[in-house]
Amino acid sequence: TLEFSPFSSFAREVFARQWAAHPPQQQHRHWAQICSGNPTNKIRGCDRYGCGQFGADRHSGKGKHVGVDVICADGATVYAPFSGQLSGPIRFFHNGNAIDDGVQIRGSGNCFFLTSLPLPSLPGYCVKLVCIHPIRYHGQIQRGQQLGRMLPMQKVFPGIISHIHVENCDRSDPTHLLTPVVPPSPHQDTRWATLCSGNPTNEIRGCDKYGCGYYGAPRRNGKGKHTGVDVICADGATVYAPFTGELSGPIKFFHNGNAIDDGVQIRGSGLCVKLLCIHPIRYNGRISKGQILGKMLPMQRVFPGITSHIHVENCDRSDPTRDLERGKGQ
């Protein structure tokens, strides 16, 4: 048996002070990637159902969002943000719909100690991940280990930006823990590739009798705004993938089956974009940056005299202009 001298109490005190100065979360100041396809834990922007940031309005302004929505495609793999103990299931909607499942993780930020000293009661992380189906509801899980799968959110909320609802058990803001500090790699090229053959700089459509191609241009007689960017592309031209990711589609913009009512979505590296008025070579599967994606559809048949173009729209409807301009000179 181990016996401790009076020094033991001093050791416990020193250890507690060190713990307070360097709590377990300091070993991992940021949580691990939560969803495949979103390495930076990018947070959902705004769509017709609301916004994903902490504190966003809920219930027609009568409530506030007590969590953060991390973008995650339906069916994507979900990982544990930190090491801890699982408990669940967590029912968020309490109605048994297709996304009414989740799990809680309680842990100390992947911090382990080998000591015979009795430790003080120490706080740790506790988070609920909702709208996922975990591989199990109980037991230990390690940081970055597969936790489960994203549930089919589009079945319940068509057109929403699919996401995992991440909520701290004490309802505090988890945003600073979700956003990792990723130093840029000198070998990493974050520029988008050329989208259309014949337009190496991703030149944006100017104005013609049908309107203008820049982000935010007036639409519907001034009652709406352009939520994408129109990249010039001749009818029949080859279209390329702007970045590496997973395809999903078809995407119907006009919903009337006209000659240009086709498109596809690409999600990868924290990005999600819809490319419309094109016919992709396939609607699903992996595609690499610069790989042939498809062909530009015959826009002149539908809008004679327009500057033919690909409609490029971020899934969160934010402005993609800066990313498109990175392709200049390639």
Foldseek 3Di string as FASTA:
>chain_A
DDDDDVCLVVVQVVVVVVCVVQPLCNVPVAFADFWALARQQDFFQADPQWGFAFQTADPVNPDGQLWGWGFYAAFTWTFARAKFWKADFQADPPPPDQQRTWIKGADRRHDDDDDPRDHDDDHHFIKIKGQFDFPDRGDIDGGGHTGGTHTHVCVVVPLGRRTITIHTPVSDYCVSRSGDDDDDDPPDQLAFADFWPVQQQQDFAQADPQWGFAFQTADDVNPDGQLWGWGFYAAFTWTWGRAKFWKADFQADPPPPDQQRTWIWGGHHNFIKIKGSFDFPDRTDIDGGGHTGGTHTHVCVVVPPGRRTITMHTSSSDYCVVSSNSSPPD
